[in-house]
C-alpha atoms as a PDB file:
ATOM      1  CA  MET A   1      47.312  95.932  85.838  1.00  0.00           C
ATOM      2  CA  THR A   2      49.430  92.772  85.946  1.00  0.00           C
ATOM      3  CA  LYS A   3      49.776  91.038  89.292  1.00  0.00           C
ATOM      4  CA  ILE A   4      53.352  90.860  90.568  1.00  0.00           C
ATOM      5  CA  ASP A   5      54.845  87.665  92.010  1.00  0.00           C
ATOM      6  CA  THR A   6      56.001  89.608  95.058  1.00  0.00           C
ATOM      7  CA  LEU A   7      58.451  87.129  96.556  1.00  0.00           C
ATOM      8  CA  ALA A   8      60.060  86.285  93.215  1.00  0.00           C
ATOM      9  CA  ALA A   9      60.426  90.009  92.478  1.00  0.00           C
ATOM     10  CA  TRP A  10      61.847  90.676  95.970  1.00  0.00           C
ATOM     11  CA  HIS A  11      64.397  87.845  95.698  1.00  0.00           C
ATOM     12  CA  ALA A  12      65.455  89.076  92.229  1.00  0.00           C
ATOM     13  CA  LEU A  13      65.857  92.598  93.616  1.00  0.00           C
ATOM     14  CA  VAL A  14      67.966  91.330  96.539  1.00  0.00           C
ATOM     15  CA  LYS A  15      70.156  89.323  94.162  1.00  0.00           C
ATOM     16  CA  SER A  16      70.673  92.240  91.763  1.00  0.00           C
ATOM     17  CA  ARG A  17      70.802  94.920  94.516  1.00  0.00           C
ATOM     18  CA  ARG A  18      69.083  97.311  92.072  1.00  0.00           C
ATOM     19  CA  ALA A  19      67.276  99.862  94.229  1.00  0.00           C
ATOM     20  CA  SER A  20      65.566 101.216  91.093  1.00  0.00           C
ATOM     21  CA  ASP A  21      63.481  98.008  90.974  1.00  0.00           C
ATOM     22  CA  LEU A  22      61.732  99.100  94.183  1.00  0.00           C
ATOM     23  CA  GLU A  23      59.655 101.614  92.211  1.00  0.00           C
ATOM     24  CA  ALA A  24      57.534  98.903  90.565  1.00  0.00           C
ATOM     25  CA  LEU A  25      57.368  96.685  93.660  1.00  0.00           C
ATOM     26  CA  LEU A  26      56.117  99.205  96.235  1.00  0.00           C
ATOM     27  CA  ALA A  27      52.522 100.385  96.586  1.00  0.00           C
ATOM     28  CA  ASP A  28      51.965 104.148  96.818  1.00  0.00           C
ATOM     29  CA  ASP A  29      50.820 103.754 100.433  1.00  0.00           C
ATOM     30  CA  ALA A  30      53.720 101.494 101.479  1.00  0.00           C
ATOM     31  CA  THR A  31      54.886 101.718 105.093  1.00  0.00           C
ATOM     32  CA  PHE A  32      58.349 100.848 106.371  1.00  0.00           C
ATOM     33  CA  HIS A  33      59.018  99.818 109.974  1.00  0.00           C
ATOM     34  CA  SER A  34      62.672 100.204 110.896  1.00  0.00           C
ATOM     35  CA  PRO A  35      64.306  98.284 113.738  1.00  0.00           C
ATOM     36  CA  VAL A  36      65.865 101.547 114.945  1.00  0.00           C
ATOM     37  CA  VAL A  37      63.343 104.289 114.096  1.00  0.00           C
ATOM     38  CA  HIS A  38      60.407 104.584 116.513  1.00  0.00           C
ATOM     39  CA  THR A  39      57.696 105.750 114.102  1.00  0.00           C
ATOM     40  CA  PRO A  40      56.552 103.961 110.936  1.00  0.00           C
ATOM     41  CA  GLN A  41      57.791 105.602 107.738  1.00  0.00           C
ATOM     42  CA  VAL A  42      54.672 106.083 105.615  1.00  0.00           C
ATOM     43  CA  GLY A  43      54.637 106.493 101.838  1.00  0.00           C
ATOM     44  CA  LYS A  44      56.312 105.013  98.805  1.00  0.00           C
ATOM     45  CA  ALA A  45      59.116 107.589  98.595  1.00  0.00           C
ATOM     46  CA  ILE A  46      60.356 107.185 102.180  1.00  0.00           C
ATOM     47  CA  THR A  47      59.923 103.385 102.077  1.00  0.00           C
ATOM     48  CA  GLN A  48      61.954 103.310  98.862  1.00  0.00           C
ATOM     49  CA  LYS A  49      64.639 105.463 100.505  1.00  0.00           C
ATOM     50  CA  TYR A  50      64.968 103.169 103.536  1.00  0.00           C
ATOM     51  CA  LEU A  51      64.920  99.942 101.523  1.00  0.00           C
ATOM     52  CA  GLY A  52      67.399 101.408  99.039  1.00  0.00           C
ATOM     53  CA  ALA A  53      69.792 102.220 101.890  1.00  0.00           C
ATOM     54  CA  ALA A  54      69.261  98.729 103.306  1.00  0.00           C
ATOM     55  CA  LEU A  55      70.285  97.205  99.967  1.00  0.00           C
ATOM     56  CA  SER A  56      73.664  98.912 100.363  1.00  0.00           C
ATOM     57  CA  VAL A  57      74.115  98.105 104.063  1.00  0.00           C
ATOM     58  CA  PHE A  58      72.749  94.564 104.376  1.00  0.00           C
ATOM     59  CA  PHE A  59      73.151  92.832 101.058  1.00  0.00           C
ATOM     60  CA  ASN A  60      76.759  91.734 100.796  1.00  0.00           C
ATOM     61  CA  ASP A  61      78.109  88.330  99.721  1.00  0.00           C
ATOM     62  CA  THR A  62      77.345  86.776 103.135  1.00  0.00           C
ATOM     63  CA  PHE A  63      73.633  87.703 103.079  1.00  0.00           C
ATOM     64  CA  ARG A  64      71.229  84.794 102.821  1.00  0.00           C
ATOM     65  CA  TYR A  65      67.652  83.995 103.653  1.00  0.00           C
ATOM     66  CA  VAL A  66      67.547  80.888 105.840  1.00  0.00           C
ATOM     67  CA  ARG A  67      63.796  80.427 106.308  1.00  0.00           C
ATOM     68  CA  GLU A  68      60.546  81.609 104.759  1.00  0.00           C
ATOM     69  CA  VAL A  69      57.036  81.440 106.167  1.00  0.00           C
ATOM     70  CA  VAL A  70      54.626  82.437 103.399  1.00  0.00           C
ATOM     71  CA  GLY A  71      50.905  83.218 103.410  1.00  0.00           C
ATOM     72  CA  PRO A  72      48.574  84.347 100.622  1.00  0.00           C
ATOM     73  CA  GLN A  73      49.568  88.034 100.916  1.00  0.00           C
ATOM     74  CA  ASP A  74      52.399  88.100 103.409  1.00  0.00           C
ATOM     75  CA  ALA A  75      55.697  86.480 104.293  1.00  0.00           C
ATOM     76  CA  VAL A  76      58.298  86.371 107.028  1.00  0.00           C
ATOM     77  CA  LEU A  77      61.811  85.902 105.675  1.00  0.00           C
ATOM     78  CA  GLU A  78      64.558  85.138 108.201  1.00  0.00           C
ATOM     79  CA  PHE A  79      68.042  86.232 107.166  1.00  0.00           C
ATOM     80  CA  GLN A  80      71.651  86.067 108.279  1.00  0.00           C
ATOM     81  CA  VAL A  81      74.507  88.326 107.244  1.00  0.00           C
ATOM     82  CA  VAL A  82      77.942  89.298 108.529  1.00  0.00           C
ATOM     83  CA  ILE A  83      78.661  93.033 108.559  1.00  0.00           C
ATOM     84  CA  ASP A  84      82.007  94.341 109.846  1.00  0.00           C
ATOM     85  CA  GLY A  85      82.636  90.983 111.522  1.00  0.00           C
ATOM     86  CA  ILE A  86      79.313  91.050 113.399  1.00  0.00           C
ATOM     87  CA  GLU A  87      76.766  88.307 112.782  1.00  0.00           C
ATOM     88  CA  VAL A  88      73.361  89.846 112.173  1.00  0.00           C
ATOM     89  CA  ASN A  89      70.188  87.769 112.367  1.00  0.00           C
ATOM     90  CA  GLY A  90      66.816  89.216 111.468  1.00  0.00           C
ATOM     91  CA  VAL A  91      63.501  88.932 109.737  1.00  0.00           C
ATOM     92  CA  ASP A  92      61.813  90.841 106.957  1.00  0.00           C
ATOM     93  CA  MET A  93      58.046  90.849 107.459  1.00  0.00           C
ATOM     94  CA  ILE A  94      56.408  91.713 104.146  1.00  0.00           C
ATOM     95  CA  ARG A  95      52.732  92.236 103.313  1.00  0.00           C
ATOM     96  CA  TRP A  96      51.424  92.985  99.810  1.00  0.00           C
ATOM     97  CA  ASN A  97      48.153  93.997  98.175  1.00  0.00           C
ATOM     98  CA  ASP A  98      46.034  92.198  95.565  1.00  0.00           C
ATOM     99  CA  GLN A  99      48.323  93.476  92.768  1.00  0.00           C
ATOM    100  CA  GLY A 100      51.383  92.069  94.547  1.00  0.00           C
ATOM    101  CA  ARG A 101      52.781  95.472  95.497  1.00  0.00           C
ATOM    102  CA  ILE A 102      54.343  95.741  98.941  1.00  0.00           C
ATOM    103  CA  VAL A 103      52.192  97.736 101.384  1.00  0.00           C
ATOM    104  CA  ASP A 104      54.063  96.977 104.621  1.00  0.00           C
ATOM    105  CA  PHE A 105      57.698  96.088 105.264  1.00  0.00           C
ATOM    106  CA  LYS A 106      59.004  95.517 108.789  1.00  0.00           C
ATOM    107  CA  VAL A 107      62.567  94.625 109.731  1.00  0.00           C
ATOM    108  CA  MET A 108      63.461  93.082 113.092  1.00  0.00           C
ATOM    109  CA  LEU A 109      67.070  92.404 114.160  1.00  0.00           C
ATOM    110  CA  ARG A 110      69.141  90.714 116.814  1.00  0.00           C
ATOM    111  CA  PRO A 111      71.460  90.776 118.768  1.00  0.00           C
ATOM    112  CA  LEU A 112      71.832  94.240 120.323  1.00  0.00           C
ATOM    113  CA  LYS A 113      75.366  94.589 118.932  1.00  0.00           C
ATOM    114  CA  ALA A 114      73.903  94.110 115.439  1.00  0.00           C
ATOM    115  CA  ILE A 115      71.115  96.637 116.047  1.00  0.00           C
ATOM    116  CA  ASN A 116      73.660  99.255 117.129  1.00  0.00           C
ATOM    117  CA  LEU A 117      75.815  98.569 114.062  1.00  0.00           C
ATOM    118  CA  ILE A 118      72.855  98.797 111.676  1.00  0.00           C
ATOM    119  CA  HIS A 119      71.667 102.000 113.366  1.00  0.00           C
ATOM    120  CA  GLN A 120      75.073 103.568 112.730  1.00  0.00           C
ATOM    121  CA  LYS A 121      75.422 102.324 109.133  1.00  0.00           C
ATOM    122  CA  MET A 122      71.846 103.090 108.044  1.00  0.00           C
ATOM    123  CA  GLY A 123      72.076 106.548 109.609  1.00  0.00           C
ATOM    124  CA  ALA A 124      75.238 107.265 107.636  1.00  0.00           C
ATOM    125  CA  MET A 125      73.724 105.891 104.424  1.00  0.00           C
ATOM    126  CA  LEU A 126      70.513 107.912 104.783  1.00  0.00           C
ATOM    127  CA  GLN A 127      72.497 111.052 105.649  1.00  0.00           C
ATOM    128  CA  ALA A 128      74.600 110.583 102.500  1.00  0.00           C
ATOM    129  CA  GLN A 129      71.404 110.393 100.387  1.00  0.00           C
ATOM    130  CA  ARG A 130      70.271 113.861 101.472  1.00  0.00           C
END
């Protein structure tokens, strides 16, 4: 099994906004931690669903990563984006396994106005996927 360059693959996915690329990047036991859902979402399918919805909600032409703190198998990526006129600031905390597949993805957001907006938009996006 070829080792994935996780961050390069993630940045390419963000640039292309191709949710189908998540399939190869996520580990089977991936867990997603939402800024608005209390419990961790465990498993590749549900993690793929949440990240796929996030690609539609977050990644517009104003989205950009402004800082990266990278370790051997994890990274914290700070981002900024404007959605519906609201400035959203947050971090993606990503951890991957020895093959480079993402095993844990946590999103944290600020300010409260942004959290409320994302809660509404992600809820609508996930509902539409059903």
